[in-house]
Amino acid sequence: NQQKEFKILSLGDSYTIGESVCETCRFPEQLKDSLSINFKKDTTFSLRVIARTGWTTTNLINAIEQENISDDFDLVTLLIGVNNQFQKREFSIYEKEFPALITTSIKAANDKKKNLIVVSIPDYAFTPFGQTKSDPSKISEELAQYDAYAKKIADAKGVSFENIPPITRKGLEQKNLVASDGLHPSKEAYRLFVEKIFAEAKKIVY
């Protein structure tokens, strides 16, 4: 009985690399663990993460080109865009680069769009850091514009889109959802992300 390897690729920024939480606390690791627990014994799980804090869509595109990734991943997650908003990049850059990233992600996912899950951008307005900004509601508004566009493209390409801002919007009343840096999601918040993503991931896996 041959061991099967189930390959996961997670693409993104600080929310994927898990800024300010432990390595096994970040959501791709928690997702891998959740899948492996529910999986047949003869399957091993590998995870590749291409993400860095501060990355915009442009940075991610460049990194993927340099990394020369294979196209045999069983599951790919894509979560990107917060730094386009945070660094006040033109929205038109996202409009051009996000669809290109979806195309690249599908290619990495064995050319199967059902193997790709797009994760929406957490709403950092509902964090101690977000509250120090002059107009937190403007952050929410701008991120909602990014997410609406991402969902539109995901829907058009027949790709799953997971909406997670409702989790992060509890960050002010539930302080355990925010990491010690006062900005990024905590291990607990990522666990809730995974709960949401898991149902979709399970369809891909089983």
Protein backbone atom coordinates (compact mmCIF):
# COMPACT_ATOMS: atom_id res chain seq x y z
CA ASN A 1 0.00 0.00 0.00
CA GLN A 2 1.70 3.12 -1.23
CA GLN A 3 2.00 6.24 0.87
CA LYS A 4 0.33 9.16 -0.83
CA GLU A 5 1.67 12.64 -0.34
CA PHE A 6 -0.91 15.41 -0.16
CA LYS A 7 0.74 18.69 -1.16
CA ILE A 8 -0.49 22.06 0.08
CA LEU A 9 0.74 25.44 -1.17
CA SER A 10 -0.16 28.64 0.68
CA LEU A 11 0.47 31.99 -1.00
CA GLY A 12 0.16 35.37 0.67
CA ASP A 13 1.49 37.90 3.15
CA SER A 14 1.68 38.31 6.96
CA TYR A 15 -1.69 36.58 7.36
CA THR A 16 -0.33 33.44 5.72
CA ILE A 17 3.17 33.42 7.24
CA GLY A 18 1.53 34.05 10.64
CA GLU A 19 3.19 37.26 11.79
CA SER A 20 3.48 37.34 15.63
CA VAL A 21 2.26 33.77 16.17
CA CYS A 22 4.23 30.52 16.37
CA GLU A 23 5.01 28.61 13.19
CA THR A 24 2.49 25.84 13.89
CA CYS A 25 -0.12 28.46 14.88
CA ARG A 26 -0.43 30.03 11.44
CA PHE A 27 -3.49 29.05 9.46
CA PRO A 28 -1.83 26.91 6.74
CA GLU A 29 -0.20 24.73 9.43
CA GLN A 30 -3.46 24.44 11.36
CA LEU A 31 -5.26 23.55 8.11
CA LYS A 32 -2.67 20.88 7.33
CA ASP A 33 -3.09 19.42 10.82
CA SER A 34 -6.89 19.42 10.59
CA LEU A 35 -6.77 17.63 7.25
CA SER A 36 -4.22 15.05 8.36
CA ILE A 37 -6.23 14.18 11.49
CA ASN A 38 -9.28 13.50 9.33
CA PHE A 39 -7.38 11.61 6.70
CA LYS A 40 -6.49 8.07 5.77
CA LYS A 41 -3.47 6.75 7.63
CA ASP A 42 -1.35 6.13 4.53
CA THR A 43 -1.23 9.79 3.51
CA THR A 44 1.50 12.25 4.42
CA PHE A 45 0.96 15.99 4.23
CA SER A 46 3.48 18.55 3.06
CA LEU A 47 3.08 22.32 3.17
CA ARG A 48 4.91 24.97 1.19
CA VAL A 49 4.39 28.60 2.17
CA ILE A 50 5.36 31.49 -0.08
CA ALA A 51 4.49 34.57 1.94
CA ARG A 52 6.11 37.46 3.73
CA THR A 53 4.90 40.25 5.96
CA GLY A 54 4.39 43.43 3.93
CA TRP A 55 3.99 41.75 0.56
CA THR A 56 1.64 43.28 -1.99
CA THR A 57 0.27 41.45 -5.03
CA THR A 58 3.34 42.70 -6.95
CA ASN A 59 5.77 41.20 -4.40
CA LEU A 60 3.93 37.89 -4.42
CA ILE A 61 3.93 37.65 -8.23
CA ASN A 62 7.70 38.31 -8.27
CA ALA A 63 8.35 35.78 -5.51
CA ILE A 64 6.35 33.05 -7.27
CA GLU A 65 8.35 33.67 -10.45
CA GLN A 66 11.63 33.33 -8.56
CA GLU A 67 10.52 30.25 -6.61
CA ASN A 68 9.75 28.31 -9.76
CA ILE A 69 6.92 26.32 -8.14
CA SER A 70 5.70 22.98 -9.44
CA ASP A 71 2.13 22.50 -10.68
CA ASP A 72 1.19 19.37 -8.75
CA PHE A 73 -0.31 20.80 -5.55
CA ASP A 74 -3.47 19.15 -4.26
CA LEU A 75 -4.62 22.27 -2.44
CA VAL A 76 -3.64 25.92 -2.88
CA THR A 77 -4.71 28.85 -0.69
CA LEU A 78 -4.37 32.47 -1.77
CA LEU A 79 -4.76 35.39 0.65
CA ILE A 80 -3.36 38.72 -0.60
CA GLY A 81 -4.23 42.41 -0.85
CA VAL A 82 -4.02 43.98 2.59
CA ASN A 83 -0.67 45.62 1.84
CA ASN A 84 -1.94 47.07 -1.43
CA GLN A 85 -4.50 48.86 0.73
CA PHE A 86 -2.13 49.60 3.62
CA GLN A 87 0.58 51.01 1.33
CA LYS A 88 -2.05 53.04 -0.54
CA ARG A 89 -1.31 51.45 -3.90
CA GLU A 90 -3.60 52.24 -6.80
CA PHE A 91 -6.60 49.90 -6.77
CA SER A 92 -6.03 49.34 -10.50
CA ILE A 93 -2.83 47.40 -9.63
CA TYR A 94 -4.90 44.88 -7.69
CA GLU A 95 -7.46 44.72 -10.48
CA LYS A 96 -4.72 43.70 -12.85
CA GLU A 97 -2.59 41.50 -10.58
CA PHE A 98 -5.17 39.59 -8.56
CA PRO A 99 -6.70 37.78 -11.58
CA ALA A 100 -3.14 36.94 -12.71
CA LEU A 101 -2.45 35.42 -9.28
CA ILE A 102 -5.61 33.32 -9.50
CA THR A 103 -4.50 32.01 -12.89
CA THR A 104 -1.04 31.17 -11.50
CA SER A 105 -2.60 29.51 -8.44
CA ILE A 106 -4.90 27.32 -10.54
CA LYS A 107 -1.91 26.24 -12.63
CA ALA A 108 -0.04 25.28 -9.42
CA ALA A 109 -3.13 23.35 -8.27
CA ASN A 110 -2.83 20.66 -10.94
CA ASP A 111 -4.75 23.00 -13.26
CA LYS A 112 -7.88 22.27 -11.23
CA LYS A 113 -9.80 25.34 -10.10
CA LYS A 114 -11.60 23.24 -7.48
CA ASN A 115 -8.20 22.80 -5.72
CA LEU A 116 -7.86 26.53 -5.07
CA ILE A 117 -9.34 28.40 -2.10
CA VAL A 118 -9.22 32.20 -2.07
CA VAL A 119 -9.32 33.59 1.47
CA SER A 120 -10.65 37.11 1.95
CA ILE A 121 -8.60 39.84 3.65
CA PRO A 122 -8.94 40.10 7.45
CA ASP A 123 -10.33 43.46 8.58
CA TYR A 124 -7.54 44.99 10.67
CA ALA A 125 -9.66 48.05 11.56
CA PHE A 126 -10.96 45.94 14.47
CA THR A 127 -7.60 45.70 16.21
CA PRO A 128 -5.85 48.01 18.71
CA PHE A 129 -3.52 49.06 15.86
CA GLY A 130 -6.40 49.71 13.47
CA GLN A 131 -8.08 51.89 16.09
CA THR A 132 -5.04 54.18 16.23
CA LYS A 133 -5.69 55.17 12.61
CA SER A 134 -7.57 58.43 12.06
CA ASP A 135 -10.54 56.72 10.39
CA PRO A 136 -10.86 52.97 11.08
CA SER A 137 -14.16 52.78 9.18
CA LYS A 138 -12.33 53.89 6.03
CA ILE A 139 -10.00 50.87 6.40
CA SER A 140 -13.04 48.56 6.55
CA GLU A 141 -14.57 50.29 3.54
CA GLU A 142 -11.42 50.00 1.43
CA LEU A 143 -10.81 46.36 2.39
CA ALA A 144 -14.44 45.57 1.54
CA GLN A 145 -13.78 46.96 -1.94
CA TYR A 146 -10.78 44.62 -2.31
CA ASP A 147 -12.76 41.64 -1.05
CA ALA A 148 -15.75 42.36 -3.29
CA TYR A 149 -13.44 42.45 -6.30
CA ALA A 150 -11.65 39.25 -5.22
CA LYS A 151 -14.98 37.47 -4.81
CA LYS A 152 -16.16 38.68 -8.21
CA ILE A 153 -13.03 37.29 -9.90
CA ALA A 154 -13.14 34.03 -7.88
CA ASP A 155 -16.80 33.52 -8.81
CA ALA A 156 -16.13 34.29 -12.47
CA LYS A 157 -13.30 31.73 -12.51
CA GLY A 158 -15.27 29.13 -10.55
CA VAL A 159 -12.99 29.22 -7.53
CA SER A 160 -14.00 28.94 -3.83
CA PHE A 161 -13.98 32.19 -1.86
CA GLU A 162 -13.98 32.12 1.95
CA ASN A 163 -15.27 35.20 3.75
CA ILE A 164 -13.43 35.67 7.04
CA PRO A 165 -13.72 39.38 8.02
CA PRO A 166 -16.72 38.58 10.30
CA ILE A 167 -14.23 36.65 12.47
CA THR A 168 -11.71 39.49 12.63
CA ARG A 169 -14.43 42.09 13.27
CA LYS A 170 -14.81 40.57 16.75
CA GLY A 171 -11.20 41.56 17.52
CA LEU A 172 -12.01 44.51 19.76
CA GLU A 173 -14.47 42.73 22.04
CA GLN A 174 -12.65 39.39 21.94
CA LYS A 175 -9.07 40.34 22.61
CA ASN A 176 -7.87 36.73 22.32
CA LEU A 177 -8.47 36.97 18.55
CA VAL A 178 -5.59 39.46 18.16
CA ALA A 179 -1.90 38.54 18.42
CA SER A 180 0.41 40.21 20.95
CA ASP A 181 1.43 42.85 18.36
CA GLY A 182 -2.08 44.33 18.47
CA LEU A 183 -2.53 43.96 14.71
CA HIS A 184 -2.37 40.41 13.39
CA PRO A 185 -4.75 37.51 14.09
CA SER A 186 -3.91 35.19 16.99
CA LYS A 187 -3.62 31.41 16.93
CA GLU A 188 -7.26 31.28 18.07
CA ALA A 189 -8.39 33.56 15.22
CA TYR A 190 -6.53 31.36 12.73
CA ARG A 191 -8.24 28.31 14.21
CA LEU A 192 -11.57 29.96 13.35
CA PHE A 193 -10.28 30.73 9.81
CA VAL A 194 -9.45 27.05 9.42
CA GLU A 195 -12.88 25.99 10.67
CA LYS A 196 -14.35 28.09 7.88
CA ILE A 197 -11.90 26.91 5.20
CA PHE A 198 -11.98 23.27 6.29
CA ALA A 199 -15.40 22.41 4.85
CA GLU A 200 -14.21 23.51 1.43
CA ALA A 201 -10.79 21.92 1.79
CA LYS A 202 -12.41 18.62 2.78
CA LYS A 203 -14.30 18.52 -0.54
CA ILE A 204 -10.99 18.83 -2.36
CA VAL A 205 -9.29 16.18 -0.27
CA TYR A 206 -11.84 13.42 0.01
